[in-house]
Protein backbone atom coordinates (compact mmCIF):
# COMPACT_ATOMS: atom_id res chain seq x y z
CA UNK A 1 -5.86 -23.34 13.97
CA UNK A 2 -3.39 -21.56 16.22
CA UNK A 3 -1.55 -18.40 15.31
CA UNK A 4 1.28 -18.87 17.76
CA UNK A 5 1.82 -22.58 18.46
CA UNK A 6 5.26 -23.34 17.00
CA UNK A 7 4.98 -27.02 17.93
CA UNK A 8 1.93 -27.71 15.80
CA UNK A 9 2.80 -28.88 12.30
CA UNK A 10 0.44 -29.98 9.53
CA UNK A 11 0.52 -33.74 8.96
CA UNK A 12 1.82 -33.36 5.42
CA UNK A 13 4.62 -30.98 6.44
CA UNK A 14 8.14 -32.14 5.56
CA UNK A 15 11.55 -31.04 6.73
CA UNK A 16 12.74 -29.66 3.44
CA UNK A 17 15.01 -26.61 3.46
CA UNK A 18 12.03 -24.51 2.38
CA UNK A 19 10.12 -25.90 5.38
CA UNK A 20 12.60 -25.55 8.27
CA UNK A 21 11.89 -26.86 11.73
CA UNK A 22 10.29 -24.27 14.03
CA UNK A 23 12.75 -22.04 15.86
CA UNK A 24 12.36 -22.09 19.65
CA UNK A 25 9.66 -19.62 20.59
CA UNK A 26 9.17 -18.39 17.04
CA UNK A 27 5.52 -17.77 16.17
CA UNK A 28 3.99 -19.56 13.21
CA UNK A 29 0.82 -18.62 11.40
CA UNK A 30 -1.12 -21.01 9.17
CA UNK A 31 -2.73 -18.72 6.63
CA UNK A 32 -4.59 -19.54 3.40
CA UNK A 33 -1.49 -18.43 1.48
CA UNK A 34 0.78 -20.79 3.41
CA UNK A 35 2.77 -21.19 6.60
CA UNK A 36 4.59 -18.08 7.83
CA UNK A 37 7.20 -18.22 10.58
CA UNK A 38 8.03 -14.91 12.23
CA UNK A 39 9.86 -13.74 15.33
CA UNK A 40 9.34 -11.94 18.61
CA UNK A 41 10.93 -8.65 19.59
CA UNK A 42 10.49 -6.05 22.33
CA UNK A 43 8.22 -3.12 21.63
CA UNK A 44 10.11 -0.03 20.49
CA UNK A 45 9.76 1.99 23.70
CA UNK A 46 8.37 -0.17 26.51
CA UNK A 47 10.93 -2.94 26.35
CA UNK A 48 9.00 -5.09 28.81
CA UNK A 49 6.30 -5.59 26.17
CA UNK A 50 6.78 -7.88 23.20
CA UNK A 51 5.22 -8.18 19.79
CA UNK A 52 5.23 -10.89 17.13
CA UNK A 53 6.36 -9.88 13.67
CA UNK A 54 6.51 -11.32 10.17
CA UNK A 55 8.32 -9.17 7.63
CA UNK A 56 9.27 -9.43 3.97
CA UNK A 57 6.12 -11.40 3.06
CA UNK A 58 5.56 -11.41 -0.72
CA UNK A 59 1.98 -10.51 -1.63
CA UNK A 60 2.24 -10.19 -5.42
CA UNK A 61 4.68 -10.44 -8.30
CA UNK A 62 5.10 -8.21 -11.32
CA UNK A 63 7.57 -7.91 -14.14
CA UNK A 64 8.57 -4.41 -15.19
CA UNK A 65 5.67 -2.34 -16.52
CA UNK A 66 3.17 -5.10 -15.75
CA UNK A 67 0.10 -5.26 -13.53
CA UNK A 68 0.81 -7.13 -10.26
CA UNK A 69 -0.32 -10.72 -10.03
CA UNK A 70 -1.56 -11.52 -6.50
CA UNK A 71 0.17 -14.42 -4.77
CA UNK A 72 -2.53 -16.65 -3.38
CA UNK A 73 0.13 -19.20 -2.40
CA UNK A 74 3.53 -18.44 -0.95
CA UNK A 75 6.65 -19.51 -2.84
CA UNK A 76 9.11 -22.15 -1.64
CA UNK A 77 6.51 -24.83 -1.08
CA UNK A 78 4.07 -22.54 0.70
CA UNK A 79 6.30 -21.93 3.72
CA UNK A 80 8.52 -18.93 4.45
CA UNK A 81 10.62 -17.68 7.33
CA UNK A 82 9.66 -14.01 7.48
CA UNK A 83 12.45 -12.49 9.53
CA UNK A 84 14.19 -10.28 6.96
CA UNK A 85 12.74 -7.09 5.47
CA UNK A 86 11.74 -7.11 1.84
CA UNK A 87 13.34 -4.69 -0.62
CA UNK A 88 12.07 -1.18 -1.16
CA UNK A 89 11.59 0.10 -4.69
CA UNK A 90 14.80 1.44 -6.31
CA UNK A 91 15.13 5.12 -5.40
CA UNK A 92 17.59 7.95 -4.99
CA UNK A 93 18.71 8.93 -1.47
CA UNK A 94 16.14 11.34 -0.06
CA UNK A 95 17.46 14.68 1.31
CA UNK A 96 14.39 14.93 3.54
CA UNK A 97 14.95 11.39 4.78
CA UNK A 98 18.53 12.22 5.76
CA UNK A 99 17.29 15.17 7.82
CA UNK A 100 14.57 13.13 9.52
CA UNK A 101 16.73 10.07 10.21
CA UNK A 102 20.41 11.03 9.70
CA UNK A 103 21.71 7.78 11.21
CA UNK A 104 19.40 5.40 9.35
CA UNK A 105 21.10 2.49 7.63
CA UNK A 106 20.63 2.21 3.84
CA UNK A 107 18.00 -0.31 2.78
CA UNK A 108 18.40 -2.78 -0.05
CA UNK A 109 16.34 -1.95 -3.12
CA UNK A 110 14.78 -4.24 -5.68
CA UNK A 111 12.35 -3.92 -8.52
CA UNK A 112 10.28 -6.82 -7.17
CA UNK A 113 9.36 -4.94 -4.03
CA UNK A 114 5.82 -6.22 -3.48
CA UNK A 115 6.28 -7.28 0.14
CA UNK A 116 4.48 -6.49 3.37
CA UNK A 117 5.18 -6.67 7.10
CA UNK A 118 2.79 -7.63 9.90
CA UNK A 119 3.14 -6.70 13.59
CA UNK A 120 0.89 -8.49 16.09
CA UNK A 121 0.49 -8.04 19.87
CA UNK A 122 2.21 -10.89 21.69
CA UNK A 123 0.23 -14.10 22.32
CA UNK A 124 -2.64 -13.10 20.05
CA UNK A 125 -4.77 -16.17 19.23
CA UNK A 126 -6.08 -16.73 15.74
CA UNK A 127 -9.67 -16.11 16.85
CA UNK A 128 -8.95 -12.72 18.48
CA UNK A 129 -10.54 -10.65 15.68
CA UNK A 130 -8.37 -7.63 16.47
CA UNK A 131 -8.77 -4.46 14.38
CA UNK A 132 -6.21 -4.12 11.60
CA UNK A 133 -4.39 -0.95 10.55
CA UNK A 134 -2.65 -0.84 7.16
CA UNK A 135 0.10 1.78 6.77
CA UNK A 136 0.88 3.49 3.45
CA UNK A 137 4.08 5.51 3.63
CA UNK A 138 4.72 8.95 2.18
CA UNK A 139 7.74 10.19 0.25
CA UNK A 140 6.21 11.99 -2.77
CA UNK A 141 5.76 8.58 -4.46
CA UNK A 142 9.47 8.47 -5.28
CA UNK A 143 11.06 7.53 -1.94
CA UNK A 144 10.53 5.58 1.25
CA UNK A 145 9.29 2.18 2.32
CA UNK A 146 6.53 0.86 4.52
CA UNK A 147 8.67 -1.15 6.93
CA UNK A 148 11.75 1.02 7.31
CA UNK A 149 12.92 1.31 10.96
CA UNK A 150 11.53 4.79 11.62
CA UNK A 151 8.04 3.43 10.89
CA UNK A 152 8.40 0.55 13.36
CA UNK A 153 4.82 0.00 14.60
CA UNK A 154 5.60 -2.31 17.51
CA UNK A 155 4.70 0.22 20.20
CA UNK A 156 1.45 1.04 18.45
CA UNK A 157 0.49 -2.62 18.23
CA UNK A 158 1.46 -3.43 21.82
CA UNK A 159 -0.27 -0.45 23.45
CA UNK A 160 -3.46 -0.43 21.40
CA UNK A 161 -4.06 -4.14 20.84
CA UNK A 162 -4.18 -3.76 17.07
CA UNK A 163 -2.47 -5.54 14.21
CA UNK A 164 -0.40 -3.25 11.99
CA UNK A 165 0.46 -4.05 8.38
CA UNK A 166 2.84 -2.01 6.21
CA UNK A 167 3.05 -2.37 2.44
CA UNK A 168 5.95 -1.77 0.06
CA UNK A 169 5.01 -0.85 -3.50
CA UNK A 170 6.52 0.49 -6.72
CA UNK A 171 7.51 4.15 -6.82
CA UNK A 172 8.55 6.80 -9.33
CA UNK A 173 9.10 5.63 -12.88
CA UNK A 174 8.46 2.04 -11.79
CA UNK A 175 5.00 2.71 -10.40
CA UNK A 176 3.69 6.14 -11.36
CA UNK A 177 4.79 6.89 -14.91
CA UNK A 178 2.51 5.84 -17.73
CA UNK A 179 -0.70 6.26 -19.66
CA UNK A 180 -4.16 4.79 -20.01
CA UNK A 181 -5.63 2.26 -22.39
CA UNK A 182 -4.84 4.52 -25.37
CA UNK A 183 -1.15 4.90 -24.48
CA UNK A 184 1.48 4.76 -27.21
CA UNK A 185 3.81 1.86 -27.89
CA UNK A 186 6.48 1.57 -25.21
CA UNK A 187 4.56 3.61 -22.62
CA UNK A 188 3.81 1.58 -19.47
CA UNK A 189 0.41 1.50 -17.78
CA UNK A 190 -0.14 4.24 -15.23
CA UNK A 191 -0.90 3.65 -11.55
CA UNK A 192 1.08 0.42 -11.11
CA UNK A 193 2.10 1.51 -7.61
CA UNK A 194 -1.55 1.95 -6.66
CA UNK A 195 -2.34 -1.47 -8.13
CA UNK A 196 0.42 -2.93 -5.94
CA UNK A 197 -1.31 -1.50 -2.86
CA UNK A 198 -4.62 -2.96 -4.03
CA UNK A 199 -2.96 -6.38 -4.35
CA UNK A 200 -1.42 -6.01 -0.88
CA UNK A 201 -4.77 -5.11 0.60
CA UNK A 202 -6.34 -8.10 -1.13
CA UNK A 203 -3.70 -10.35 0.46
CA UNK A 204 -4.39 -8.84 3.88
CA UNK A 205 -8.14 -9.37 3.59
CA UNK A 206 -7.60 -13.00 2.59
CA UNK A 207 -4.98 -13.90 5.23
CA UNK A 208 -5.12 -11.57 8.23
CA UNK A 209 -7.63 -13.73 10.13
CA UNK A 210 -4.88 -16.32 10.63
CA UNK A 211 -2.90 -13.67 12.55
CA UNK A 212 -5.87 -12.87 14.80
CA UNK A 213 -7.10 -9.92 12.74
CA UNK A 214 -10.59 -9.04 11.59
CA UNK A 215 -10.71 -8.51 7.79
CA UNK A 216 -13.95 -6.58 8.26
CA UNK A 217 -12.26 -4.00 10.52
CA UNK A 218 -9.41 -2.67 8.39
CA UNK A 219 -8.33 0.95 8.75
CA UNK A 220 -5.99 2.41 6.16
CA UNK A 221 -3.70 5.18 7.40
CA UNK A 222 -1.04 7.11 5.57
CA UNK A 223 0.89 10.34 5.47
CA UNK A 224 1.33 12.87 2.65
CA UNK A 225 1.65 10.91 -0.61
CA UNK A 226 0.50 7.82 1.27
CA UNK A 227 -2.67 9.65 2.32
CA UNK A 228 -3.23 10.69 -1.30
CA UNK A 229 -2.97 7.05 -2.39
CA UNK A 230 -5.53 6.01 0.22
CA UNK A 231 -7.85 8.78 -1.00
CA UNK A 232 -7.39 7.35 -4.50
CA UNK A 233 -8.41 3.91 -3.24
CA UNK A 234 -11.52 5.49 -1.75
CA UNK A 235 -12.36 7.08 -5.10
CA UNK A 236 -11.88 3.72 -6.85
CA UNK A 237 -14.15 2.03 -4.30
CA UNK A 238 -16.77 4.74 -4.71
CA UNK A 239 -16.68 4.41 -8.48
CA UNK A 240 -17.13 0.64 -8.09
CA UNK A 241 -20.12 1.29 -5.85
CA UNK A 242 -21.68 3.65 -8.40
CA UNK A 243 -21.10 1.05 -11.09
CA UNK A 244 -22.68 -1.66 -8.93
CA UNK A 245 -25.73 0.54 -8.50
CA UNK A 246 -26.04 1.07 -12.25
CA UNK A 247 -25.46 -2.54 -13.18
CA UNK A 248 -27.16 -4.44 -10.38
CA UNK A 249 -29.87 -2.24 -8.92
CA UNK A 250 -31.49 -3.27 -5.64
CA UNK A 251 -29.76 -2.81 -2.30
CA UNK A 252 -26.32 -1.62 -3.33
CA UNK A 253 -25.17 -1.46 0.30
CA UNK A 254 -25.57 -5.25 0.53
CA UNK A 255 -23.96 -5.88 -2.86
CA UNK A 256 -20.99 -3.58 -2.36
CA UNK A 257 -18.27 -4.37 0.15
CA UNK A 258 -15.55 -1.69 0.39
CA UNK A 259 -11.97 -2.99 0.65
CA UNK A 260 -11.46 -1.29 4.03
CA UNK A 261 -13.68 0.15 6.75
CA UNK A 262 -12.03 3.43 7.71
CA UNK A 263 -9.31 5.79 6.53
CA UNK A 264 -6.98 8.19 8.36
CA UNK A 265 -5.40 10.73 6.00
CA UNK A 266 -2.45 12.58 7.52
CA UNK A 267 -1.01 15.72 5.87
CA UNK A 268 -3.01 15.12 2.71
CA UNK A 269 -1.98 17.57 -0.01
CA UNK A 270 -5.44 18.65 -1.25
CA UNK A 271 -3.96 21.42 -3.38
CA UNK A 272 -2.09 18.88 -5.48
CA UNK A 273 -5.24 17.16 -6.72
CA UNK A 274 -6.78 17.60 -10.12
CA UNK A 275 -5.91 18.71 -13.64
CA UNK A 276 -2.66 16.75 -13.87
CA UNK A 277 -3.21 15.03 -17.23
CA UNK A 278 -1.15 17.47 -19.35
CA UNK A 279 1.68 17.33 -16.82
CA UNK A 280 1.73 13.53 -16.92
CA UNK A 281 1.77 13.60 -20.72
CA UNK A 282 4.81 15.90 -20.61
CA UNK A 283 6.51 13.60 -18.09
CA UNK A 284 5.92 10.51 -20.22
CA UNK A 285 7.25 12.29 -23.34
CA UNK A 286 10.35 13.51 -21.52
CA UNK A 287 11.13 10.12 -19.99
CA UNK A 288 10.88 8.42 -23.37
CA UNK A 289 10.34 4.68 -23.83
CA UNK A 290 11.83 2.64 -21.02
CA UNK A 291 13.07 -0.70 -22.28
CA UNK A 292 12.29 -3.73 -20.15
CA UNK A 293 16.00 -4.40 -20.01
CA UNK A 294 17.00 -0.88 -18.92
CA UNK A 295 19.29 -0.63 -15.91
CA UNK A 296 18.33 1.04 -12.66
CA UNK A 297 20.62 3.92 -13.62
CA UNK A 298 18.83 4.29 -16.94
CA UNK A 299 15.44 4.35 -15.23
CA UNK A 300 16.71 6.89 -12.69
CA UNK A 301 17.82 9.12 -15.58
CA UNK A 302 14.36 8.81 -17.18
CA UNK A 303 12.81 9.69 -13.83
CA UNK A 304 14.99 12.82 -13.64
CA UNK A 305 13.89 13.89 -17.12
CA UNK A 306 10.26 13.38 -16.22
CA UNK A 307 10.60 15.35 -12.99
CA UNK A 308 12.24 18.22 -14.83
CA UNK A 309 9.47 18.24 -17.46
CA UNK A 310 6.88 18.61 -14.69
CA UNK A 311 8.39 21.77 -13.21
CA UNK A 312 6.54 24.32 -15.39
CA UNK A 313 3.17 22.90 -14.29
CA UNK A 314 1.15 23.88 -11.24
CA UNK A 315 1.96 20.74 -9.27
CA UNK A 316 5.36 20.10 -10.76
CA UNK A 317 7.37 21.87 -8.08
CA UNK A 318 5.86 19.96 -5.18
CA UNK A 319 4.69 16.40 -5.86
CA UNK A 320 4.56 15.60 -9.57
CA UNK A 321 4.45 11.82 -9.15
CA UNK A 322 1.04 10.35 -8.41
CA UNK A 323 -2.07 8.60 -9.68
CA UNK A 324 -3.51 9.30 -13.10
CA UNK A 325 -7.28 9.65 -13.38
CA UNK A 326 -8.91 7.96 -16.34
CA UNK A 327 -6.32 5.16 -16.32
CA UNK A 328 -7.09 1.88 -14.56
CA UNK A 329 -8.05 1.53 -11.80
CA UNK A 330 -8.92 5.25 -11.45
CA UNK A 331 -12.21 6.58 -12.85
CA UNK A 332 -12.44 9.72 -14.95
CA UNK A 333 -11.60 12.79 -12.90
CA UNK A 334 -15.11 14.17 -13.48
CA UNK A 335 -16.41 11.39 -11.20
CA UNK A 336 -14.18 12.37 -8.28
CA UNK A 337 -16.80 14.04 -6.10
CA UNK A 338 -19.58 11.54 -6.86
CA UNK A 339 -17.26 8.58 -6.25
CA UNK A 340 -15.87 9.91 -2.98
CA UNK A 341 -19.38 10.77 -1.78
CA UNK A 342 -20.50 7.23 -2.63
CA UNK A 343 -17.54 5.76 -0.74
CA UNK A 344 -18.00 7.81 2.42
CA UNK A 345 -21.79 8.08 2.47
CA UNK A 346 -21.39 11.84 2.81
CA UNK A 347 -21.43 14.70 0.37
CA UNK A 348 -17.89 15.60 -0.62
CA UNK A 349 -16.70 18.42 -2.83
CA UNK A 350 -13.34 19.32 -4.23
CA UNK A 351 -11.39 22.42 -3.30
CA UNK A 352 -12.01 24.69 -6.32
CA UNK A 353 -9.02 26.36 -7.94
CA UNK A 354 -10.52 29.84 -7.68
CA UNK A 355 -11.92 29.50 -4.17
CA UNK A 356 -10.07 31.67 -1.61
CA UNK A 357 -11.16 29.43 1.26
CA UNK A 358 -9.69 26.11 2.38
CA UNK A 359 -11.41 22.93 1.31
CA UNK A 360 -14.39 21.84 3.40
CA UNK A 361 -13.87 18.11 3.59
CA UNK A 362 -15.86 15.76 5.81
CA UNK A 363 -14.02 13.06 7.66
CA UNK A 364 -13.54 10.56 4.82
CA UNK A 365 -14.13 7.24 6.50
CA UNK A 366 -16.43 4.28 6.23
CA UNK A 367 -18.43 3.30 9.28
CA UNK A 368 -18.26 6.72 10.93
CA UNK A 369 -21.04 7.73 13.27
CA UNK A 370 -23.13 10.59 12.07
CA UNK A 371 -24.67 13.18 14.31
């Protein structure tokens, strides 16, 4: 199986519109999910280097307020031309984003935003087993997108011989407003945005080998809210490991396979963690029931009400939107330290509210060397 041979076609391939003939020089990857045709472009800074890219790849589908359903097979007959970016979640213009990138072009938004982008060093064969880095963007969980131009990873991929994946997921009232199993009628499930990322990571693990990546060498990296979401995934994985130990016994290390090997957490807001349940309850009450047929403007108004309701709380001024402990897939908040310690193999403790000193956190990564 070749990752880059555009002239090789499966014997049962047909020339339907959904299965177009290969473009000259365009890379094609034959993944378990289907055939993906991408494109080549120069690296962002060293224009003499090229990368291969596939963008706007759907990894899951979800109706409003529903858990994402992973796509094990691509739509359109299992073949897509991945040369256009997928939509980002509906969002208001970000004042911070305008300051950081004042000339950036507006992106198209869409509620079905579960898409990812893959950037591969040029001429990478399918058996290369390159390390994979999965990017989770910041933006306070209400703004941004994984594959927007200012996060173009082409230079990173070309210089470091790594494959870079970026994931779009639901934000704000679409992805981080809701309750647990005991939620009231009309209240959506919490943590849908985090579940989207889990589904994206599942797609990567199942398909990245076709692009020349090693699914056993995945590093998650993210900034600010993105780093917080990765930390949440680590807590979920640690809780799963603890559960495997209770249920299965024996050598848990052999039974338990974490969803990624390492994590890089940039500008993680440790002070925002913990004790957010009452604030989330106030946000849900203020937003009110969101009908499945509500317009984007109506959901934006509900999001504004929820944000305003969070302001009197400790974390409400900074980053009120985020994961809710005790609602799937997050464990109870009381398990935070034990779960994170289980995930990292190191003792971790939370920054106490009354402690005058900064948090003493070990490097939270799997596979780290220990002195």
